[in-house]
Amino acid sequence: MFHFEKEYNLKNKTVELTPLREEHESELFYVSNSKEIWRFFTEKGFGRENFRSYIKNALQKREEKVEYPLVIKDLRANKLAGMTFAVDDRPRPRVYRSTV
């Protein structure tokens, strides 16, 4: 079973994966602020405000136990290289909402 409250740290000789934190935003923005990177994403992340929303949404999804965002650190360069997600893909009951 996956535990969203646990602080997972995965490391090998070249990369380290650690949980996303708000303080990672600036460095991640620097490495991801390219239209080409965001071209095929379903969420908008290009530009400072869009990226800030993207990070907040990623952190919220961890609280909701849907996705577990991780930052990727390149240990050779000692810099963040991006982020990835561990996803709980177990079936969940669907909640349907309607507006009248």
C-alpha atoms as a PDB file:
ATOM      1  CA  MET A   1       0.000   0.000   0.000  1.00  0.00           C
ATOM      2  CA  PHE A   2       1.217   3.485  -0.848  1.00  0.00           C
ATOM      3  CA  HIS A   3       1.396   5.949   2.055  1.00  0.00           C
ATOM      4  CA  PHE A   4       0.965   9.559   0.965  1.00  0.00           C
ATOM      5  CA  GLU A   5       1.944  10.930   4.358  1.00  0.00           C
ATOM      6  CA  LYS A   6       5.327   9.179   4.238  1.00  0.00           C
ATOM      7  CA  GLU A   7       8.414  11.124   3.132  1.00  0.00           C
ATOM      8  CA  TYR A   8       9.845   8.962   0.357  1.00  0.00           C
ATOM      9  CA  ASN A   9      13.456   9.582  -0.694  1.00  0.00           C
ATOM     10  CA  LEU A  10      14.847   7.547  -3.570  1.00  0.00           C
ATOM     11  CA  LYS A  11      18.450   7.892  -4.650  1.00  0.00           C
ATOM     12  CA  ASN A  12      21.036   6.305  -6.900  1.00  0.00           C
ATOM     13  CA  LYS A  13      24.391   7.542  -8.242  1.00  0.00           C
ATOM     14  CA  THR A  14      22.926  10.129 -10.629  1.00  0.00           C
ATOM     15  CA  VAL A  15      19.502  11.231  -9.371  1.00  0.00           C
ATOM     16  CA  GLU A  16      17.591  11.739  -6.165  1.00  0.00           C
ATOM     17  CA  LEU A  17      13.805  11.882  -5.883  1.00  0.00           C
ATOM     18  CA  THR A  18      12.357  13.708  -2.887  1.00  0.00           C
ATOM     19  CA  PRO A  19       8.882  15.019  -2.079  1.00  0.00           C
ATOM     20  CA  LEU A  20       7.896  18.309  -3.707  1.00  0.00           C
ATOM     21  CA  ARG A  21       7.847  21.327  -1.381  1.00  0.00           C
ATOM     22  CA  GLU A  22       6.717  24.894  -1.982  1.00  0.00           C
ATOM     23  CA  GLU A  23      10.317  26.069  -1.674  1.00  0.00           C
ATOM     24  CA  HIS A  24      11.217  24.073  -4.825  1.00  0.00           C
ATOM     25  CA  GLU A  25       9.020  26.328  -6.962  1.00  0.00           C
ATOM     26  CA  SER A  26      11.642  28.920  -7.970  1.00  0.00           C
ATOM     27  CA  GLU A  27      14.292  26.442  -9.066  1.00  0.00           C
ATOM     28  CA  LEU A  28      11.741  24.261 -10.866  1.00  0.00           C
ATOM     29  CA  PHE A  29      10.323  27.314 -12.631  1.00  0.00           C
ATOM     30  CA  TYR A  30      13.786  28.158 -13.905  1.00  0.00           C
ATOM     31  CA  VAL A  31      14.260  24.708 -15.490  1.00  0.00           C
ATOM     32  CA  SER A  32      10.724  24.406 -16.872  1.00  0.00           C
ATOM     33  CA  ASN A  33       9.840  27.857 -18.192  1.00  0.00           C
ATOM     34  CA  SER A  34       9.751  26.860 -21.852  1.00  0.00           C
ATOM     35  CA  LYS A  35       6.681  26.711 -24.078  1.00  0.00           C
ATOM     36  CA  GLU A  36       8.087  23.561 -25.658  1.00  0.00           C
ATOM     37  CA  ILE A  37       8.059  21.706 -22.330  1.00  0.00           C
ATOM     38  CA  TRP A  38       4.400  22.558 -21.677  1.00  0.00           C
ATOM     39  CA  ARG A  39       3.210  21.998 -25.237  1.00  0.00           C
ATOM     40  CA  PHE A  40       1.658  18.554 -24.620  1.00  0.00           C
ATOM     41  CA  PHE A  41       0.687  18.914 -20.959  1.00  0.00           C
ATOM     42  CA  THR A  42      -2.993  18.865 -20.061  1.00  0.00           C
ATOM     43  CA  GLU A  43      -2.342  21.461 -17.345  1.00  0.00           C
ATOM     44  CA  LYS A  44      -0.980  24.914 -18.035  1.00  0.00           C
ATOM     45  CA  GLY A  45       2.378  25.587 -16.421  1.00  0.00           C
ATOM     46  CA  PHE A  46       4.109  28.059 -18.699  1.00  0.00           C
ATOM     47  CA  GLY A  47       4.643  31.466 -17.084  1.00  0.00           C
ATOM     48  CA  ARG A  48       5.060  32.390 -13.425  1.00  0.00           C
ATOM     49  CA  GLU A  49       1.377  32.427 -12.384  1.00  0.00           C
ATOM     50  CA  ASN A  50       0.482  29.253 -14.285  1.00  0.00           C
ATOM     51  CA  PHE A  51       3.477  27.469 -12.799  1.00  0.00           C
ATOM     52  CA  ARG A  52       2.615  28.613  -9.284  1.00  0.00           C
ATOM     53  CA  SER A  53      -0.885  27.160  -9.767  1.00  0.00           C
ATOM     54  CA  TYR A  54       0.604  23.959 -11.149  1.00  0.00           C
ATOM     55  CA  ILE A  55       2.780  23.505  -8.036  1.00  0.00           C
ATOM     56  CA  LYS A  56      -0.109  24.296  -5.667  1.00  0.00           C
ATOM     57  CA  ASN A  57      -2.304  21.807  -7.521  1.00  0.00           C
ATOM     58  CA  ALA A  58       0.405  19.122  -7.302  1.00  0.00           C
ATOM     59  CA  LEU A  59       0.706  19.649  -3.538  1.00  0.00           C
ATOM     60  CA  GLN A  60      -3.080  19.569  -3.171  1.00  0.00           C
ATOM     61  CA  LYS A  61      -3.278  16.266  -5.054  1.00  0.00           C
ATOM     62  CA  ARG A  62      -0.867  14.766  -2.538  1.00  0.00           C
ATOM     63  CA  GLU A  63      -3.104  15.927   0.321  1.00  0.00           C
ATOM     64  CA  GLU A  64      -6.057  14.330  -1.495  1.00  0.00           C
ATOM     65  CA  LYS A  65      -4.032  11.105  -1.849  1.00  0.00           C
ATOM     66  CA  VAL A  66      -4.305  11.105  -5.639  1.00  0.00           C
ATOM     67  CA  GLU A  67      -0.732  11.865  -6.746  1.00  0.00           C
ATOM     68  CA  TYR A  68       2.589  12.078  -4.939  1.00  0.00           C
ATOM     69  CA  PRO A  69       4.764  14.797  -6.516  1.00  0.00           C
ATOM     70  CA  LEU A  70       8.525  14.293  -6.419  1.00  0.00           C
ATOM     71  CA  VAL A  71      11.355  16.592  -7.472  1.00  0.00           C
ATOM     72  CA  ILE A  72      14.185  15.132  -9.520  1.00  0.00           C
ATOM     73  CA  LYS A  73      17.647  16.295  -8.540  1.00  0.00           C
ATOM     74  CA  ASP A  74      20.573  15.710 -10.875  1.00  0.00           C
ATOM     75  CA  LEU A  75      23.328  14.766  -8.449  1.00  0.00           C
ATOM     76  CA  ARG A  76      26.088  15.325 -11.021  1.00  0.00           C
ATOM     77  CA  ALA A  77      25.083  18.974 -11.477  1.00  0.00           C
ATOM     78  CA  ASN A  78      23.649  19.332  -7.954  1.00  0.00           C
ATOM     79  CA  LYS A  79      20.535  21.012  -9.408  1.00  0.00           C
ATOM     80  CA  LEU A  80      16.870  20.215  -9.764  1.00  0.00           C
ATOM     81  CA  ALA A  81      16.111  18.785 -13.188  1.00  0.00           C
ATOM     82  CA  GLY A  82      12.313  18.501 -12.997  1.00  0.00           C
ATOM     83  CA  MET A  83       9.542  16.676 -11.260  1.00  0.00           C
ATOM     84  CA  THR A  84       7.537  13.495 -11.572  1.00  0.00           C
ATOM     85  CA  PHE A  85       4.587  11.868  -9.852  1.00  0.00           C
ATOM     86  CA  ALA A  86       3.812   8.580  -8.184  1.00  0.00           C
ATOM     87  CA  VAL A  87       0.145   7.898  -8.876  1.00  0.00           C
ATOM     88  CA  ASP A  88      -2.332   5.823  -6.926  1.00  0.00           C
ATOM     89  CA  ASP A  89      -4.210   4.222  -9.796  1.00  0.00           C
ATOM     90  CA  ARG A  90      -6.478   1.991  -7.765  1.00  0.00           C
ATOM     91  CA  PRO A  91     -10.133   2.297  -8.808  1.00  0.00           C
ATOM     92  CA  ARG A  92     -12.113   4.833  -6.803  1.00  0.00           C
ATOM     93  CA  PRO A  93     -15.830   5.407  -6.562  1.00  0.00           C
ATOM     94  CA  ARG A  94     -16.872   8.159  -8.915  1.00  0.00           C
ATOM     95  CA  VAL A  95     -18.601  11.260  -7.660  1.00  0.00           C
ATOM     96  CA  TYR A  96     -20.856  12.929 -10.178  1.00  0.00           C
ATOM     97  CA  ARG A  97     -21.718  16.583  -9.848  1.00  0.00           C
ATOM     98  CA  SER A  98     -24.271  18.499 -11.743  1.00  0.00           C
ATOM     99  CA  THR A  99     -25.340  22.087 -11.846  1.00  0.00           C
ATOM    100  CA  VAL A 100     -28.941  23.011 -12.367  1.00  0.00           C
END
